Amino acid sequence: MQEKSLTTLDFNEAVALARQNPEAFEQYRLDAIEALITCASWKNQQHLRRLQWRIDQVRKRAPNPTAACVKIYQMMWESFTGNSGFIDIICDGNYPNQNTDNTTPKAKVLSLSDVSETK
């Protein structure tokens, strides 16, 4: 098969590659995902990498490809219809704060001096 760019390999060619050379297909899949993620803004890249990690974990833990597909499908619907999902945002106007810093600690941080004084 001649070399194709990440965006021009059609479905039938991808199926043929997966059957003939699974390792090459997996590398193609990883390269295509990485190319898509790097096209996004930096903030979206972080989100997309976390999402791809979750998808990869589902694929690893699933007993077979069909089970993985079903679980990923459920994840998609949850993000669409679940709490703070797309439907909530559209219907209720609960838009997430665009300036929210996701790195802000969510727990109370205790000083070590406070802990040593209680002994």
PDB file of N, CA and C in Angstrom:
ATOM      1  N   MET A   1       0.849  -1.177   0.000  1.00  0.00           N
ATOM      2  CA  MET A   1       0.000   0.000   0.000  1.00  0.00           C
ATOM      3  C   MET A   1       0.891   1.235   0.000  1.00  0.00           C
ATOM      4  N   GLN A   2       0.539   2.205  -0.825  1.00  0.00           N
ATOM      5  CA  GLN A   2       1.343   3.418  -0.864  1.00  0.00           C
ATOM      6  C   GLN A   2       1.082   4.260   0.371  1.00  0.00           C
ATOM      7  N   GLU A   3       2.049   5.104   0.712  1.00  0.00           N
ATOM      8  CA  GLU A   3       1.971   5.950   1.900  1.00  0.00           C
ATOM      9  C   GLU A   3       0.843   6.965   1.757  1.00  0.00           C
ATOM     10  N   LYS A   4      -0.016   7.051   2.763  1.00  0.00           N
ATOM     11  CA  LYS A   4      -1.125   7.999   2.780  1.00  0.00           C
ATOM     12  C   LYS A   4      -0.936   8.951   3.951  1.00  0.00           C
ATOM     13  N   SER A   5      -1.461  10.161   3.801  1.00  0.00           N
ATOM     14  CA  SER A   5      -1.422  11.080   4.935  1.00  0.00           C
ATOM     15  C   SER A   5      -2.455  10.623   5.954  1.00  0.00           C
ATOM     16  N   LEU A   6      -2.396  11.193   7.134  1.00  0.00           N
ATOM     17  CA  LEU A   6      -3.301  10.780   8.200  1.00  0.00           C
ATOM     18  C   LEU A   6      -4.752  11.076   7.883  1.00  0.00           C
ATOM     19  N   THR A   7      -5.000  11.994   6.976  1.00  0.00           N
ATOM     20  CA  THR A   7      -6.382  12.361   6.681  1.00  0.00           C
ATOM     21  C   THR A   7      -6.907  11.742   5.399  1.00  0.00           C
ATOM     22  N   THR A   8      -6.074  11.052   4.638  1.00  0.00           N
ATOM     23  CA  THR A   8      -6.551  10.531   3.357  1.00  0.00           C
ATOM     24  C   THR A   8      -6.740   9.020   3.327  1.00  0.00           C
ATOM     25  N   LEU A   9      -6.376   8.305   4.364  1.00  0.00           N
ATOM     26  CA  LEU A   9      -6.590   6.866   4.395  1.00  0.00           C
ATOM     27  C   LEU A   9      -8.086   6.618   4.567  1.00  0.00           C
ATOM     28  N   ASP A  10      -8.712   5.976   3.577  1.00  0.00           N
ATOM     29  CA  ASP A  10     -10.155   5.770   3.699  1.00  0.00           C
ATOM     30  C   ASP A  10     -10.457   4.518   4.528  1.00  0.00           C
ATOM     31  N   PHE A  11     -11.717   4.321   4.820  1.00  0.00           N
ATOM     32  CA  PHE A  11     -12.136   3.245   5.712  1.00  0.00           C
ATOM     33  C   PHE A  11     -11.698   1.876   5.203  1.00  0.00           C
ATOM     34  N   ASN A  12     -11.934   1.602   3.923  1.00  0.00           N
ATOM     35  CA  ASN A  12     -11.573   0.292   3.370  1.00  0.00           C
ATOM     36  C   ASN A  12     -10.067   0.046   3.450  1.00  0.00           C
ATOM     37  N   GLU A  13      -9.284   1.091   3.210  1.00  0.00           N
ATOM     38  CA  GLU A  13      -7.831   0.948   3.327  1.00  0.00           C
ATOM     39  C   GLU A  13      -7.427   0.710   4.780  1.00  0.00           C
ATOM     40  N   ALA A  14      -8.109   1.379   5.705  1.00  0.00           N
ATOM     41  CA  ALA A  14      -7.813   1.188   7.126  1.00  0.00           C
ATOM     42  C   ALA A  14      -8.140  -0.244   7.550  1.00  0.00           C
ATOM     43  N   VAL A  15      -9.266  -0.770   7.080  1.00  0.00           N
ATOM     44  CA  VAL A  15      -9.639  -2.153   7.394  1.00  0.00           C
ATOM     45  C   VAL A  15      -8.587  -3.114   6.846  1.00  0.00           C
ATOM     46  N   ALA A  16      -8.169  -2.888   5.609  1.00  0.00           N
ATOM     47  CA  ALA A  16      -7.155  -3.752   4.995  1.00  0.00           C
ATOM     48  C   ALA A  16      -5.846  -3.687   5.779  1.00  0.00           C
ATOM     49  N   LEU A  17      -5.446  -2.486   6.186  1.00  0.00           N
ATOM     50  CA  LEU A  17      -4.219  -2.332   6.966  1.00  0.00           C
ATOM     51  C   LEU A  17      -4.335  -3.061   8.303  1.00  0.00           C
ATOM     52  N   ALA A  18      -5.489  -2.934   8.970  1.00  0.00           N
ATOM     53  CA  ALA A  18      -5.691  -3.599  10.260  1.00  0.00           C
ATOM     54  C   ALA A  18      -5.604  -5.116  10.122  1.00  0.00           C
ATOM     55  N   ARG A  19      -6.118  -5.652   9.030  1.00  0.00           N
ATOM     56  CA  ARG A  19      -6.080  -7.106   8.818  1.00  0.00           C
ATOM     57  C   ARG A  19      -4.689  -7.593   8.426  1.00  0.00           C
ATOM     58  N   GLN A  20      -4.019  -6.833   7.563  1.00  0.00           N
ATOM     59  CA  GLN A  20      -2.725  -7.264   7.030  1.00  0.00           C
ATOM     60  C   GLN A  20      -1.569  -6.991   7.988  1.00  0.00           C
ATOM     61  N   ASN A  21      -1.660  -5.865   8.710  1.00  0.00           N
ATOM     62  CA  ASN A  21      -0.546  -5.468   9.564  1.00  0.00           C
ATOM     63  C   ASN A  21      -1.092  -4.719  10.786  1.00  0.00           C
ATOM     64  N   PRO A  22      -1.569  -5.454  11.795  1.00  0.00           N
ATOM     65  CA  PRO A  22      -2.174  -4.807  12.970  1.00  0.00           C
ATOM     66  C   PRO A  22      -1.253  -3.808  13.666  1.00  0.00           C
ATOM     67  N   GLU A  23       0.043  -4.094  13.705  1.00  0.00           N
ATOM     68  CA  GLU A  23       0.979  -3.175  14.356  1.00  0.00           C
ATOM     69  C   GLU A  23       1.054  -1.852  13.601  1.00  0.00           C
ATOM     70  N   ALA A  24       1.096  -1.918  12.274  1.00  0.00           N
ATOM     71  CA  ALA A  24       1.130  -0.695  11.463  1.00  0.00           C
ATOM     72  C   ALA A  24      -0.173   0.076  11.608  1.00  0.00           C
ATOM     73  N   PHE A  25      -1.294  -0.647  11.681  1.00  0.00           N
ATOM     74  CA  PHE A  25      -2.579   0.028  11.870  1.00  0.00           C
ATOM     75  C   PHE A  25      -2.620   0.739  13.213  1.00  0.00           C
ATOM     76  N   GLU A  26      -2.141   0.083  14.273  1.00  0.00           N
ATOM     77  CA  GLU A  26      -2.132   0.710  15.599  1.00  0.00           C
ATOM     78  C   GLU A  26      -1.268   1.966  15.596  1.00  0.00           C
ATOM     79  N   GLN A  27      -0.129   1.913  14.927  1.00  0.00           N
ATOM     80  CA  GLN A  27       0.727   3.100  14.838  1.00  0.00           C
ATOM     81  C   GLN A  27       0.030   4.204  14.050  1.00  0.00           C
ATOM     82  N   TYR A  28      -0.644   3.832  12.968  1.00  0.00           N
ATOM     83  CA  TYR A  28      -1.417   4.807  12.190  1.00  0.00           C
ATOM     84  C   TYR A  28      -2.485   5.452  13.070  1.00  0.00           C
ATOM     85  N   ARG A  29      -3.192   4.629  13.859  1.00  0.00           N
ATOM     86  CA  ARG A  29      -4.250   5.127  14.737  1.00  0.00           C
ATOM     87  C   ARG A  29      -3.684   6.118  15.752  1.00  0.00           C
ATOM     88  N   LEU A  30      -2.571   5.757  16.382  1.00  0.00           N
ATOM     89  CA  LEU A  30      -1.946   6.649  17.362  1.00  0.00           C
ATOM     90  C   LEU A  30      -1.483   7.956  16.718  1.00  0.00           C
ATOM     91  N   ASP A  31      -0.886   7.855  15.536  1.00  0.00           N
ATOM     92  CA  ASP A  31      -0.418   9.055  14.826  1.00  0.00           C
ATOM     93  C   ASP A  31      -1.582   9.955  14.429  1.00  0.00           C
ATOM     94  N   ALA A  32      -2.683   9.350  13.978  1.00  0.00           N
ATOM     95  CA  ALA A  32      -3.853  10.136  13.576  1.00  0.00           C
ATOM     96  C   ALA A  32      -4.455  10.863  14.777  1.00  0.00           C
ATOM     97  N   ILE A  33      -4.534  10.177  15.915  1.00  0.00           N
ATOM     98  CA  ILE A  33      -5.060  10.798  17.136  1.00  0.00           C
ATOM     99  C   ILE A  33      -4.162  11.950  17.562  1.00  0.00           C
ATOM    100  N   GLU A  34      -2.865  11.725  17.567  1.00  0.00           N
ATOM    101  CA  GLU A  34      -1.918  12.775  17.969  1.00  0.00           C
ATOM    102  C   GLU A  34      -1.996  13.969  17.025  1.00  0.00           C
ATOM    103  N   ALA A  35      -2.116  13.717  15.732  1.00  0.00           N
ATOM    104  CA  ALA A  35      -2.216  14.814  14.763  1.00  0.00           C
ATOM    105  C   ALA A  35      -3.472  15.642  15.015  1.00  0.00           C
ATOM    106  N   LEU A  36      -4.562  14.980  15.325  1.00  0.00           N
ATOM    107  CA  LEU A  36      -5.807  15.698  15.600  1.00  0.00           C
ATOM    108  C   LEU A  36      -5.693  16.517  16.881  1.00  0.00           C
ATOM    109  N   ILE A  37      -5.131  15.932  17.921  1.00  0.00           N
ATOM    110  CA  ILE A  37      -4.999  16.639  19.195  1.00  0.00           C
ATOM    111  C   ILE A  37      -4.096  17.858  19.052  1.00  0.00           C
ATOM    112  N   THR A  38      -2.996  17.742  18.334  1.00  0.00           N
ATOM    113  CA  THR A  38      -2.072  18.872  18.208  1.00  0.00           C
ATOM    114  C   THR A  38      -2.652  20.013  17.380  1.00  0.00           C
ATOM    115  N   CYS A  39      -3.717  19.764  16.645  1.00  0.00           N
ATOM    116  CA  CYS A  39      -4.382  20.842  15.895  1.00  0.00           C
ATOM    117  C   CYS A  39      -5.262  21.701  16.802  1.00  0.00           C
ATOM    118  N   ALA A  40      -5.584  21.202  17.984  1.00  0.00           N
ATOM    119  CA  ALA A  40      -6.468  21.920  18.902  1.00  0.00           C
ATOM    120  C   ALA A  40      -5.681  22.966  19.688  1.00  0.00           C
ATOM    121  N   SER A  41      -6.419  23.884  20.332  1.00  0.00           N
ATOM    122  CA  SER A  41      -5.779  24.878  21.193  1.00  0.00           C
ATOM    123  C   SER A  41      -5.125  24.158  22.371  1.00  0.00           C
ATOM    124  N   TRP A  42      -4.194  24.836  23.040  1.00  0.00           N
ATOM    125  CA  TRP A  42      -3.477  24.219  24.147  1.00  0.00           C
ATOM    126  C   TRP A  42      -4.440  23.727  25.221  1.00  0.00           C
ATOM    127  N   LYS A  43      -5.429  24.553  25.585  1.00  0.00           N
ATOM    128  CA  LYS A  43      -6.398  24.174  26.614  1.00  0.00           C
ATOM    129  C   LYS A  43      -7.194  22.947  26.178  1.00  0.00           C
ATOM    130  N   ASN A  44      -7.625  22.922  24.931  1.00  0.00           N
ATOM    131  CA  ASN A  44      -8.368  21.767  24.442  1.00  0.00           C
ATOM    132  C   ASN A  44      -7.476  20.542  24.308  1.00  0.00           C
ATOM    133  N   GLN A  45      -6.197  20.750  24.035  1.00  0.00           N
ATOM    134  CA  GLN A  45      -5.277  19.612  23.947  1.00  0.00           C
ATOM    135  C   GLN A  45      -5.236  18.862  25.277  1.00  0.00           C
ATOM    136  N   GLN A  46      -5.201  19.607  26.372  1.00  0.00           N
ATOM    137  CA  GLN A  46      -5.184  18.965  27.690  1.00  0.00           C
ATOM    138  C   GLN A  46      -6.432  18.111  27.880  1.00  0.00           C
ATOM    139  N   HIS A  47      -7.582  18.691  27.559  1.00  0.00           N
ATOM    140  CA  HIS A  47      -8.852  17.965  27.697  1.00  0.00           C
ATOM    141  C   HIS A  47      -8.868  16.736  26.790  1.00  0.00           C
ATOM    142  N   LEU A  48      -8.440  16.906  25.544  1.00  0.00           N
ATOM    143  CA  LEU A  48      -8.453  15.797  24.593  1.00  0.00           C
ATOM    144  C   LEU A  48      -7.498  14.685  25.004  1.00  0.00           C
ATOM    145  N   ARG A  49      -6.347  15.036  25.561  1.00  0.00           N
ATOM    146  CA  ARG A  49      -5.405  14.001  26.014  1.00  0.00           C
ATOM    147  C   ARG A  49      -5.983  13.214  27.197  1.00  0.00           C
ATOM    148  N   ARG A  50      -6.643  13.910  28.111  1.00  0.00           N
ATOM    149  CA  ARG A  50      -7.282  13.208  29.235  1.00  0.00           C
ATOM    150  C   ARG A  50      -8.392  12.291  28.727  1.00  0.00           C
ATOM    151  N   LEU A  51      -9.190  12.801  27.802  1.00  0.00           N
ATOM    152  CA  LEU A  51     -10.266  11.990  27.239  1.00  0.00           C
ATOM    153  C   LEU A  51      -9.707  10.777  26.506  1.00  0.00           C
ATOM    154  N   GLN A  52      -8.659  10.964  25.718  1.00  0.00           N
ATOM    155  CA  GLN A  52      -8.062   9.841  24.994  1.00  0.00           C
ATOM    156  C   GLN A  52      -7.484   8.822  25.962  1.00  0.00           C
ATOM    157  N   TRP A  53      -6.912   9.288  27.071  1.00  0.00           N
ATOM    158  CA  TRP A  53      -6.399   8.363  28.079  1.00  0.00           C
ATOM    159  C   TRP A  53      -7.535   7.505  28.632  1.00  0.00           C
ATOM    160  N   ARG A  54      -8.673   8.150  28.930  1.00  0.00           N
ATOM    161  CA  ARG A  54      -9.833   7.399  29.433  1.00  0.00           C
ATOM    162  C   ARG A  54     -10.297   6.366  28.415  1.00  0.00           C
ATOM    163  N   ILE A  55     -10.359   6.756  27.154  1.00  0.00           N
ATOM    164  CA  ILE A  55     -10.772   5.833  26.092  1.00  0.00           C
ATOM    165  C   ILE A  55      -9.796   4.666  25.998  1.00  0.00           C
ATOM    166  N   ASP A  56      -8.510   4.965  26.045  1.00  0.00           N
ATOM    167  CA  ASP A  56      -7.498   3.905  25.972  1.00  0.00           C
ATOM    168  C   ASP A  56      -7.627   2.931  27.142  1.00  0.00           C
ATOM    169  N   GLN A  57      -7.932   3.447  28.344  1.00  0.00           N
ATOM    170  CA  GLN A  57      -8.098   2.575  29.506  1.00  0.00           C
ATOM    171  C   GLN A  57      -9.316   1.676  29.346  1.00  0.00           C
ATOM    172  N   VAL A  58     -10.400   2.221  28.809  1.00  0.00           N
ATOM    173  CA  VAL A  58     -11.591   1.401  28.551  1.00  0.00           C
ATOM    174  C   VAL A  58     -11.248   0.285  27.570  1.00  0.00           C
ATOM    175  N   ARG A  59     -10.518   0.617  26.525  1.00  0.00           N
ATOM    176  CA  ARG A  59     -10.139  -0.390  25.524  1.00  0.00           C
ATOM    177  C   ARG A  59      -9.272  -1.483  26.149  1.00  0.00           C
ATOM    178  N   LYS A  60      -8.340  -1.092  27.036  1.00  0.00           N
ATOM    179  CA  LYS A  60      -7.456  -2.076  27.671  1.00  0.00           C
ATOM    180  C   LYS A  60      -8.217  -3.004  28.613  1.00  0.00           C
ATOM    181  N   ARG A  61      -9.174  -2.444  29.345  1.00  0.00           N
ATOM    182  CA  ARG A  61      -9.880  -3.211  30.364  1.00  0.00           C
ATOM    183  C   ARG A  61     -11.025  -4.047  29.809  1.00  0.00           C
ATOM    184  N   ALA A  62     -11.495  -3.732  28.634  1.00  0.00           N
ATOM    185  CA  ALA A  62     -12.633  -4.452  28.064  1.00  0.00           C
ATOM    186  C   ALA A  62     -12.226  -5.868  27.653  1.00  0.00           C
ATOM    187  N   PRO A  63     -13.136  -6.818  27.829  1.00  0.00           N
ATOM    188  CA  PRO A  63     -12.809  -8.195  27.455  1.00  0.00           C
ATOM    189  C   PRO A  63     -12.723  -8.412  25.945  1.00  0.00           C
ATOM    190  N   ASN A  64     -13.356  -7.525  25.175  1.00  0.00           N
ATOM    191  CA  ASN A  64     -13.315  -7.646  23.713  1.00  0.00           C
ATOM    192  C   ASN A  64     -13.630  -6.289  23.086  1.00  0.00           C
ATOM    193  N   PRO A  65     -13.371  -6.115  21.807  1.00  0.00           N
ATOM    194  CA  PRO A  65     -13.600  -4.818  21.157  1.00  0.00           C
ATOM    195  C   PRO A  65     -15.052  -4.340  21.208  1.00  0.00           C
ATOM    196  N   THR A  66     -16.004  -5.267  21.133  1.00  0.00           N
ATOM    197  CA  THR A  66     -17.413  -4.864  21.184  1.00  0.00           C
ATOM    198  C   THR A  66     -17.756  -4.284  22.549  1.00  0.00           C
ATOM    199  N   ALA A  67     -17.276  -4.907  23.608  1.00  0.00           N
ATOM    200  CA  ALA A  67     -17.522  -4.392  24.958  1.00  0.00           C
ATOM    201  C   ALA A  67     -16.896  -3.012  25.124  1.00  0.00           C
ATOM    202  N   ALA A  68     -15.707  -2.817  24.568  1.00  0.00           N
ATOM    203  CA  ALA A  68     -15.059  -1.503  24.629  1.00  0.00           C
ATOM    204  C   ALA A  68     -15.897  -0.467  23.897  1.00  0.00           C
ATOM    205  N   CYS A  69     -16.397  -0.835  22.737  1.00  0.00           N
ATOM    206  CA  CYS A  69     -17.218   0.086  21.950  1.00  0.00           C
ATOM    207  C   CYS A  69     -18.478   0.491  22.715  1.00  0.00           C
ATOM    208  N   VAL A  70     -19.124  -0.474  23.356  1.00  0.00           N
ATOM    209  CA  VAL A  70     -20.342  -0.189  24.127  1.00  0.00           C
ATOM    210  C   VAL A  70     -20.026   0.753  25.282  1.00  0.00           C
ATOM    211  N   LYS A  71     -18.937   0.509  25.998  1.00  0.00           N
ATOM    212  CA  LYS A  71     -18.569   1.359  27.135  1.00  0.00           C
ATOM    213  C   LYS A  71     -18.223   2.775  26.674  1.00  0.00           C
ATOM    214  N   ILE A  72     -17.500   2.899  25.584  1.00  0.00           N
ATOM    215  CA  ILE A  72     -17.152   4.224  25.054  1.00  0.00           C
ATOM    216  C   ILE A  72     -18.410   4.949  24.593  1.00  0.00           C
ATOM    217  N   TYR A  73     -19.335   4.218  24.001  1.00  0.00           N
ATOM    218  CA  TYR A  73     -20.628   4.778  23.590  1.00  0.00           C
ATOM    219  C   TYR A  73     -21.381   5.312  24.811  1.00  0.00           C
ATOM    220  N   GLN A  74     -21.367   4.548  25.908  1.00  0.00           N
ATOM    221  CA  GLN A  74     -22.014   4.997  27.141  1.00  0.00           C
ATOM    222  C   GLN A  74     -21.344   6.259  27.682  1.00  0.00           C
ATOM    223  N   MET A  75     -20.020   6.323  27.609  1.00  0.00           N
ATOM    224  CA  MET A  75     -19.294   7.523  28.046  1.00  0.00           C
ATOM    225  C   MET A  75     -19.731   8.735  27.233  1.00  0.00           C
ATOM    226  N   MET A  76     -19.882   8.537  25.925  1.00  0.00           N
ATOM    227  CA  MET A  76     -20.293   9.632  25.051  1.00  0.00           C
ATOM    228  C   MET A  76     -21.680  10.136  25.446  1.00  0.00           C
ATOM    229  N   TRP A  77     -22.615   9.215  25.651  1.00  0.00           N
ATOM    230  CA  TRP A  77     -23.964   9.626  26.013  1.00  0.00           C
ATOM    231  C   TRP A  77     -23.995  10.296  27.380  1.00  0.00           C
ATOM    232  N   GLU A  78     -23.188   9.826  28.304  1.00  0.00           N
ATOM    233  CA  GLU A  78     -23.122  10.456  29.628  1.00  0.00           C
ATOM    234  C   GLU A  78     -22.638  11.902  29.513  1.00  0.00           C
ATOM    235  N   SER A  79     -21.655  12.140  28.656  1.00  0.00           N
ATOM    236  CA  SER A  79     -21.165  13.513  28.486  1.00  0.00           C
ATOM    237  C   SER A  79     -22.203  14.384  27.786  1.00  0.00           C
ATOM    238  N   PHE A  80     -23.106  13.756  27.080  1.00  0.00           N
ATOM    239  CA  PHE A  80     -24.148  14.498  26.359  1.00  0.00           C
ATOM    240  C   PHE A  80     -25.363  14.750  27.245  1.00  0.00           C
ATOM    241  N   THR A  81     -25.802  13.715  27.980  1.00  0.00           N
ATOM    242  CA  THR A  81     -27.048  13.829  28.733  1.00  0.00           C
ATOM    243  C   THR A  81     -26.857  13.899  30.243  1.00  0.00           C
ATOM    244  N   GLY A  82     -25.665  13.625  30.752  1.00  0.00           N
ATOM    245  CA  GLY A  82     -25.434  13.576  32.193  1.00  0.00           C
ATOM    246  C   GLY A  82     -25.386  14.955  32.835  1.00  0.00           C
ATOM    247  N   ASN A  83     -25.125  14.967  34.147  1.00  0.00           N
ATOM    248  CA  ASN A  83     -24.992  16.230  34.878  1.00  0.00           C
ATOM    249  C   ASN A  83     -23.890  17.074  34.257  1.00  0.00           C
ATOM    250  N   SER A  84     -24.181  18.332  34.033  1.00  0.00           N
ATOM    251  CA  SER A  84     -23.262  19.279  33.394  1.00  0.00           C
ATOM    252  C   SER A  84     -22.879  18.836  31.987  1.00  0.00           C
ATOM    253  N   GLY A  85     -23.706  17.998  31.395  1.00  0.00           N
ATOM    254  CA  GLY A  85     -23.482  17.573  30.021  1.00  0.00           C
ATOM    255  C   GLY A  85     -23.995  18.609  29.038  1.00  0.00           C
ATOM    256  N   PHE A  86     -23.881  18.291  27.790  1.00  0.00           N
ATOM    257  CA  PHE A  86     -24.259  19.211  26.722  1.00  0.00           C
ATOM    258  C   PHE A  86     -25.718  19.657  26.848  1.00  0.00           C
ATOM    259  N   ILE A  87     -26.621  18.725  27.155  1.00  0.00           N
ATOM    260  CA  ILE A  87     -28.046  19.061  27.280  1.00  0.00           C
ATOM    261  C   ILE A  87     -28.258  20.064  28.411  1.00  0.00           C
ATOM    262  N   ASP A  88     -27.624  19.843  29.567  1.00  0.00           N
ATOM    263  CA  ASP A  88     -27.744  20.789  30.685  1.00  0.00           C
ATOM    264  C   ASP A  88     -27.264  22.173  30.279  1.00  0.00           C
ATOM    265  N   ILE A  89     -26.162  22.220  29.588  1.00  0.00           N
ATOM    266  CA  ILE A  89     -25.598  23.509  29.186  1.00  0.00           C
ATOM    267  C   ILE A  89     -26.546  24.233  28.238  1.00  0.00           C
ATOM    268  N   ILE A  90     -27.092  23.525  27.280  1.00  0.00           N
ATOM    269  CA  ILE A  90     -27.993  24.142  26.301  1.00  0.00           C
ATOM    270  C   ILE A  90     -29.307  24.565  26.950  1.00  0.00           C
ATOM    271  N   CYS A  91     -29.923  23.661  27.717  1.00  0.00           N
ATOM    272  CA  CYS A  91     -31.256  23.920  28.265  1.00  0.00           C
ATOM    273  C   CYS A  91     -31.250  24.871  29.452  1.00  0.00           C
ATOM    274  N   ASP A  92     -30.283  24.732  30.328  1.00  0.00           N
ATOM    275  CA  ASP A  92     -30.274  25.514  31.562  1.00  0.00           C
ATOM    276  C   ASP A  92     -29.353  26.719  31.508  1.00  0.00           C
ATOM    277  N   GLY A  93     -28.554  26.816  30.480  1.00  0.00           N
ATOM    278  CA  GLY A  93     -27.605  27.915  30.393  1.00  0.00           C
ATOM    279  C   GLY A  93     -26.491  27.800  31.413  1.00  0.00           C
ATOM    280  N   ASN A  94     -26.235  26.600  31.904  1.00  0.00           N
ATOM    281  CA  ASN A  94     -25.176  26.380  32.894  1.00  0.00           C
ATOM    282  C   ASN A  94     -23.832  26.245  32.196  1.00  0.00           C
ATOM    283  N   TYR A  95     -23.398  27.318  31.589  1.00  0.00           N
ATOM    284  CA  TYR A  95     -22.128  27.281  30.875  1.00  0.00           C
ATOM    285  C   TYR A  95     -20.991  27.220  31.872  1.00  0.00           C
ATOM    286  N   PRO A  96     -20.046  26.315  31.658  1.00  0.00           N
ATOM    287  CA  PRO A  96     -18.901  26.273  32.570  1.00  0.00           C
ATOM    288  C   PRO A  96     -18.111  27.568  32.478  1.00  0.00           C
ATOM    289  N   ASN A  97     -17.571  27.989  33.603  1.00  0.00           N
ATOM    290  CA  ASN A  97     -16.775  29.210  33.630  1.00  0.00           C
ATOM    291  C   ASN A  97     -15.521  28.997  32.797  1.00  0.00           C
ATOM    292  N   GLN A  98     -15.350  29.799  31.771  1.00  0.00           N
ATOM    293  CA  GLN A  98     -14.209  29.644  30.875  1.00  0.00           C
ATOM    294  C   GLN A  98     -12.893  29.996  31.557  1.00  0.00           C
ATOM    295  N   ASN A  99     -12.937  30.748  32.660  1.00  0.00           N
ATOM    296  CA  ASN A  99     -11.713  31.170  33.339  1.00  0.00           C
ATOM    297  C   ASN A  99     -11.365  30.280  34.524  1.00  0.00           C
ATOM    298  N   THR A 100     -12.111  29.203  34.711  1.00  0.00           N
ATOM    299  CA  THR A 100     -11.855  28.321  35.836  1.00  0.00           C
ATOM    300  C   THR A 100     -10.517  27.627  35.652  1.00  0.00           C
ATOM    301  N   ASP A 101      -9.711  27.693  36.688  1.00  0.00           N
ATOM    302  CA  ASP A 101      -8.413  27.022  36.661  1.00  0.00           C
ATOM    303  C   ASP A 101      -8.589  25.652  37.304  1.00  0.00           C
ATOM    304  N   ASN A 102      -8.485  24.603  36.511  1.00  0.00           N
ATOM    305  CA  ASN A 102      -8.703  23.249  37.007  1.00  0.00           C
ATOM    306  C   ASN A 102      -7.586  22.767  37.919  1.00  0.00           C
ATOM    307  N   THR A 103      -6.523  23.540  38.065  1.00  0.00           N
ATOM    308  CA  THR A 103      -5.417  23.119  38.923  1.00  0.00           C
ATOM    309  C   THR A 103      -5.569  23.625  40.352  1.00  0.00           C
ATOM    310  N   THR A 104      -6.612  24.393  40.655  1.00  0.00           N
ATOM    311  CA  THR A 104      -6.836  24.904  41.996  1.00  0.00           C
ATOM    312  C   THR A 104      -7.133  23.741  42.936  1.00  0.00           C
ATOM    313  N   PRO A 105      -6.438  23.664  44.077  1.00  0.00           N
ATOM    314  CA  PRO A 105      -6.683  22.564  45.012  1.00  0.00           C
ATOM    315  C   PRO A 105      -8.129  22.553  45.482  1.00  0.00           C
ATOM    316  N   LYS A 106      -8.679  21.372  45.628  1.00  0.00           N
ATOM    317  CA  LYS A 106     -10.065  21.220  46.044  1.00  0.00           C
ATOM    318  C   LYS A 106     -10.181  20.828  47.516  1.00  0.00           C
ATOM    319  N   ALA A 107      -9.067  20.606  48.175  1.00  0.00           N
ATOM    320  CA  ALA A 107      -9.081  20.187  49.568  1.00  0.00           C
ATOM    321  C   ALA A 107      -8.383  21.233  50.429  1.00  0.00           C
ATOM    322  N   LYS A 108      -8.693  21.203  51.712  1.00  0.00           N
ATOM    323  CA  LYS A 108      -8.033  22.105  52.641  1.00  0.00           C
ATOM    324  C   LYS A 108      -6.613  21.601  52.861  1.00  0.00           C
ATOM    325  N   VAL A 109      -5.651  22.491  52.730  1.00  0.00           N
ATOM    326  CA  VAL A 109      -4.247  22.141  52.920  1.00  0.00           C
ATOM    327  C   VAL A 109      -3.869  22.497  54.353  1.00  0.00           C
ATOM    328  N   LEU A 110      -3.376  21.512  55.091  1.00  0.00           N
ATOM    329  CA  LEU A 110      -3.004  21.721  56.485  1.00  0.00           C
ATOM    330  C   LEU A 110      -1.525  22.026  56.588  1.00  0.00           C
ATOM    331  N   SER A 111      -1.213  22.934  57.463  1.00  0.00           N
ATOM    332  CA  SER A 111       0.178  23.250  57.732  1.00  0.00           C
ATOM    333  C   SER A 111       0.765  22.152  58.612  1.00  0.00           C
ATOM    334  N   LEU A 112       2.012  21.788  58.377  1.00  0.00           N
ATOM    335  CA  LEU A 112       2.656  20.779  59.215  1.00  0.00           C
ATOM    336  C   LEU A 112       2.816  21.270  60.647  1.00  0.00           C
ATOM    337  N   SER A 113       2.980  22.570  60.823  1.00  0.00           N
ATOM    338  CA  SER A 113       3.109  23.095  62.184  1.00  0.00           C
ATOM    339  C   SER A 113       1.802  22.910  62.948  1.00  0.00           C
ATOM    340  N   ASP A 114       0.646  22.994  62.271  1.00  0.00           N
ATOM    341  CA  ASP A 114      -0.639  22.766  62.932  1.00  0.00           C
ATOM    342  C   ASP A 114      -0.755  21.322  63.414  1.00  0.00           C
ATOM    343  N   VAL A 115      -0.255  20.400  62.655  1.00  0.00           N
ATOM    344  CA  VAL A 115      -0.339  18.984  63.003  1.00  0.00           C
ATOM    345  C   VAL A 115       0.583  18.666  64.173  1.00  0.00           C
ATOM    346  N   SER A 116       1.803  19.208  64.166  1.00  0.00           N
ATOM    347  CA  SER A 116       2.762  18.902  65.233  1.00  0.00           C
ATOM    348  C   SER A 116       2.340  19.512  66.565  1.00  0.00           C
ATOM    349  N   GLU A 117       1.581  20.604  66.556  1.00  0.00           N
ATOM    350  CA  GLU A 117       1.137  21.246  67.796  1.00  0.00           C
ATOM    351  C   GLU A 117       0.067  20.432  68.502  1.00  0.00           C
ATOM    352  N   THR A 118      -0.645  19.578  67.776  1.00  0.00           N
ATOM    353  CA  THR A 118      -1.726  18.813  68.396  1.00  0.00           C
ATOM    354  C   THR A 118      -1.229  17.561  69.101  1.00  0.00           C
ATOM    355  N   LYS A 119       0.043  17.217  68.972  1.00  0.00           N
ATOM    356  CA  LYS A 119       0.582  15.999  69.614  1.00  0.00           C
ATOM    357  C   LYS A 119       0.945  16.234  71.043  1.00  0.00           C
TER     358      LYS A 119
END
